[in-house]
N, C-alpha and C. Protein backbone atom coordinates (compact mmCIF):
# COMPACT_ATOMS: atom_id res chain seq x y z
N UNK A 1 157.48 114.79 161.98
CA UNK A 1 158.57 113.22 161.94
C UNK A 1 157.85 112.47 162.23
N UNK A 2 157.77 111.21 161.26
CA UNK A 2 157.43 109.75 161.25
C UNK A 2 157.90 109.07 162.24
N UNK A 3 157.31 107.86 162.38
CA UNK A 3 158.08 106.63 163.19
C UNK A 3 159.28 106.15 162.74
N UNK A 4 159.94 106.14 163.45
CA UNK A 4 161.69 106.04 163.29
C UNK A 4 161.59 104.48 163.24
N UNK A 5 161.95 103.77 162.39
CA UNK A 5 162.68 102.45 163.04
C UNK A 5 164.01 102.36 163.26
N UNK A 6 164.64 101.97 164.31
CA UNK A 6 165.84 101.57 164.72
C UNK A 6 166.33 100.37 164.66
N UNK A 7 167.73 100.01 164.36
CA UNK A 7 168.57 98.80 164.43
C UNK A 7 168.46 98.61 165.87
N UNK A 8 168.36 97.23 166.42
CA UNK A 8 168.27 96.75 167.64
C UNK A 8 169.65 96.49 168.28
N UNK A 9 170.84 96.56 167.09
CA UNK A 9 172.15 95.72 167.08
C UNK A 9 173.01 96.34 166.09
N UNK A 10 174.19 96.25 166.15
CA UNK A 10 175.20 96.28 165.41
C UNK A 10 175.31 95.24 164.41
N UNK A 11 174.87 95.68 163.03
CA UNK A 11 174.92 94.41 162.12
C UNK A 11 175.19 95.42 160.57
N UNK A 12 175.09 94.40 159.85
CA UNK A 12 175.41 94.69 157.97
C UNK A 12 174.09 94.89 157.69
N UNK A 13 173.47 95.89 156.87
CA UNK A 13 172.61 95.42 156.03
C UNK A 13 172.83 95.08 154.51
N UNK A 14 171.69 93.96 154.89
CA UNK A 14 171.96 92.87 153.44
C UNK A 14 171.21 93.58 152.02
N UNK A 15 169.98 93.61 152.53
CA UNK A 15 168.99 94.32 152.09
C UNK A 15 167.51 95.37 152.63
N UNK A 16 167.82 95.94 151.40
CA UNK A 16 166.42 97.03 152.05
C UNK A 16 165.73 96.52 150.65
N UNK A 17 164.53 96.44 151.36
CA UNK A 17 162.82 95.86 150.77
C UNK A 17 162.15 96.58 150.34
N UNK A 18 162.37 97.94 151.21
CA UNK A 18 161.28 99.34 150.44
C UNK A 18 161.72 100.70 150.27
N UNK A 19 161.17 101.27 149.67
CA UNK A 19 161.73 102.71 148.90
C UNK A 19 160.72 103.93 149.64
N UNK A 20 161.12 104.76 149.21
CA UNK A 20 160.64 106.20 149.67
C UNK A 20 159.15 106.20 148.88
N UNK A 21 157.84 106.52 149.01
CA UNK A 21 156.70 106.50 149.09
C UNK A 21 155.95 104.88 149.06
N UNK A 22 156.52 104.03 149.15
CA UNK A 22 156.16 102.69 149.44
C UNK A 22 155.28 102.83 150.44
N UNK A 23 153.91 102.02 150.37
CA UNK A 23 153.05 102.16 151.45
C UNK A 23 153.19 100.43 151.99
N UNK A 24 153.44 100.60 153.37
CA UNK A 24 154.03 99.16 154.24
C UNK A 24 152.70 98.84 155.12
N UNK A 25 152.66 97.90 155.35
CA UNK A 25 151.58 97.04 156.60
C UNK A 25 152.20 96.41 157.75
N UNK A 26 151.66 96.22 158.68
CA UNK A 26 152.50 96.03 160.36
C UNK A 26 153.10 94.62 159.60
N UNK A 27 154.28 94.35 160.20
CA UNK A 27 154.57 92.96 159.89
C UNK A 27 155.52 92.93 158.26
N UNK A 28 155.42 93.71 157.45
CA UNK A 28 156.35 93.89 156.47
C UNK A 28 157.67 93.47 156.64
N UNK A 29 158.72 93.55 155.84
CA UNK A 29 159.68 93.03 156.08
C UNK A 29 160.77 94.24 155.53
N UNK A 30 161.06 95.23 156.01
CA UNK A 30 161.46 96.72 155.81
C UNK A 30 162.89 96.61 155.29
N UNK A 31 164.31 96.00 156.21
CA UNK A 31 165.48 96.03 156.14
C UNK A 31 165.98 94.70 156.56
N UNK A 32 166.69 93.70 155.79
CA UNK A 32 167.54 92.57 156.60
C UNK A 32 168.75 92.85 156.53
N UNK A 33 168.82 92.68 158.13
CA UNK A 33 170.63 92.80 158.51
C UNK A 33 171.20 91.57 159.14
N UNK A 34 172.26 91.46 159.22
CA UNK A 34 172.96 89.90 159.34
C UNK A 34 174.22 90.74 160.29
N UNK A 35 173.79 89.96 161.29
CA UNK A 35 174.98 90.22 162.56
C UNK A 35 175.60 88.41 163.06
N UNK A 36 176.40 88.10 163.21
CA UNK A 36 177.30 87.11 163.37
C UNK A 36 176.63 85.85 163.06
N UNK A 37 176.51 86.12 161.27
CA UNK A 37 176.34 85.29 160.66
C UNK A 37 174.82 84.98 160.80
N UNK A 38 173.97 85.19 161.20
CA UNK A 38 172.56 85.44 161.56
C UNK A 38 172.00 86.73 160.61
N UNK A 39 171.32 85.92 159.90
CA UNK A 39 169.85 87.29 159.34
C UNK A 39 168.83 87.45 160.12
N UNK A 40 168.64 88.78 160.31
CA UNK A 40 167.53 89.51 160.95
C UNK A 40 166.62 90.38 160.52
N UNK A 41 165.58 89.82 159.81
CA UNK A 41 164.46 90.92 159.31
C UNK A 41 164.05 91.84 159.87
N UNK A 42 164.02 93.24 159.52
CA UNK A 42 163.83 94.46 160.54
C UNK A 42 162.10 94.48 160.05
N UNK A 43 160.96 94.30 160.84
CA UNK A 43 159.49 94.24 160.51
C UNK A 43 159.00 95.69 160.64
N UNK A 44 158.17 96.11 160.08
CA UNK A 44 157.10 97.26 160.42
C UNK A 44 156.47 97.21 161.90
N UNK A 45 156.17 98.08 162.11
CA UNK A 45 155.23 97.53 163.37
C UNK A 45 154.34 98.55 163.09
N UNK A 46 153.76 99.30 162.08
CA UNK A 46 152.76 100.12 161.60
C UNK A 46 152.44 100.24 160.22
N UNK A 47 151.08 100.46 160.11
CA UNK A 47 150.98 100.99 158.68
C UNK A 47 151.26 101.99 158.49
N UNK A 48 151.25 102.40 157.39
CA UNK A 48 152.06 103.83 156.64
C UNK A 48 152.61 103.93 155.55
N UNK A 49 153.44 104.85 154.82
CA UNK A 49 154.01 105.44 154.04
C UNK A 49 155.45 105.77 154.38
N UNK A 50 156.56 104.87 153.49
CA UNK A 50 157.65 105.14 153.64
C UNK A 50 158.22 106.63 153.29
N UNK A 51 158.52 107.38 154.49
CA UNK A 51 158.84 108.92 154.50
C UNK A 51 160.40 108.74 153.80
N UNK A 52 161.28 107.74 154.17
CA UNK A 52 162.75 108.04 154.02
C UNK A 52 163.23 106.49 154.68
N UNK A 53 164.26 106.37 153.67
CA UNK A 53 165.15 104.98 153.93
C UNK A 53 166.80 105.72 154.16
N UNK A 54 167.25 105.32 155.14
CA UNK A 54 168.38 106.01 155.46
C UNK A 54 169.61 104.67 154.99
N UNK A 55 169.41 103.77 155.06
CA UNK A 55 170.07 102.59 154.90
C UNK A 55 170.31 102.03 153.34
N UNK A 56 171.54 101.78 153.06
CA UNK A 56 171.80 100.74 151.55
C UNK A 56 172.46 99.61 152.15
N UNK A 57 172.29 98.41 151.16
CA UNK A 57 172.93 97.52 151.28
C UNK A 57 174.59 97.85 151.62
N UNK A 58 175.14 96.73 152.30
CA UNK A 58 176.60 96.75 152.92
C UNK A 58 176.92 97.90 153.63
N UNK A 59 176.36 98.71 153.98
CA UNK A 59 176.22 99.68 155.28
C UNK A 59 176.21 98.93 156.39
N UNK A 60 176.93 99.39 157.89
CA UNK A 60 177.15 99.16 158.82
C UNK A 60 176.45 99.71 159.59
N UNK A 61 175.25 99.28 160.29
CA UNK A 61 174.80 100.38 161.15
C UNK A 61 174.93 99.83 162.81
N UNK A 62 174.38 100.78 163.53
CA UNK A 62 175.11 100.77 164.71
C UNK A 62 173.71 100.41 165.48
N UNK A 63 173.28 100.23 166.96
CA UNK A 63 172.60 99.88 167.50
C UNK A 63 171.87 101.19 167.88
N UNK A 64 170.52 101.60 167.28
CA UNK A 64 169.79 102.92 167.95
C UNK A 64 169.62 103.36 166.23
N UNK A 65 170.76 103.01 165.62
CA UNK A 65 170.64 104.18 164.02
C UNK A 65 169.44 103.84 163.74
N UNK A 66 168.97 104.73 163.12
CA UNK A 66 167.60 105.10 162.21
C UNK A 66 167.86 104.36 160.80
N UNK A 67 166.59 102.91 160.49
CA UNK A 67 167.06 102.46 159.20
C UNK A 67 166.24 103.33 158.33
N UNK A 68 164.81 103.36 158.69
CA UNK A 68 163.57 103.73 157.80
C UNK A 68 162.50 105.02 158.59
N UNK A 69 161.93 105.42 157.59
CA UNK A 69 161.16 106.43 158.96
C UNK A 69 160.06 105.98 157.72
N UNK A 70 158.59 105.96 158.92
CA UNK A 70 157.56 105.92 158.24
C UNK A 70 156.36 106.93 158.75
N UNK A 71 155.87 107.36 157.88
CA UNK A 71 154.66 108.44 157.76
C UNK A 71 153.27 107.85 158.18
N UNK A 72 152.37 108.33 159.18
CA UNK A 72 151.30 107.55 159.23
C UNK A 72 150.64 107.94 158.17
């Protein structure tokens, strides 16, 4: 099981910037969330390959919900 990128708050998913099997680097934007009329980019904390994208635009996510899984 890879690194799980989780939501830090309850939010709406505006955009998903990555797809499965895509290679990402530290600092790449993975998902764009919206909460209380503020856009919050979720950035990659590590380099690797996207194993799974668990959300789609329009989804409502809860605090701690997994957004993306990244393999080393």
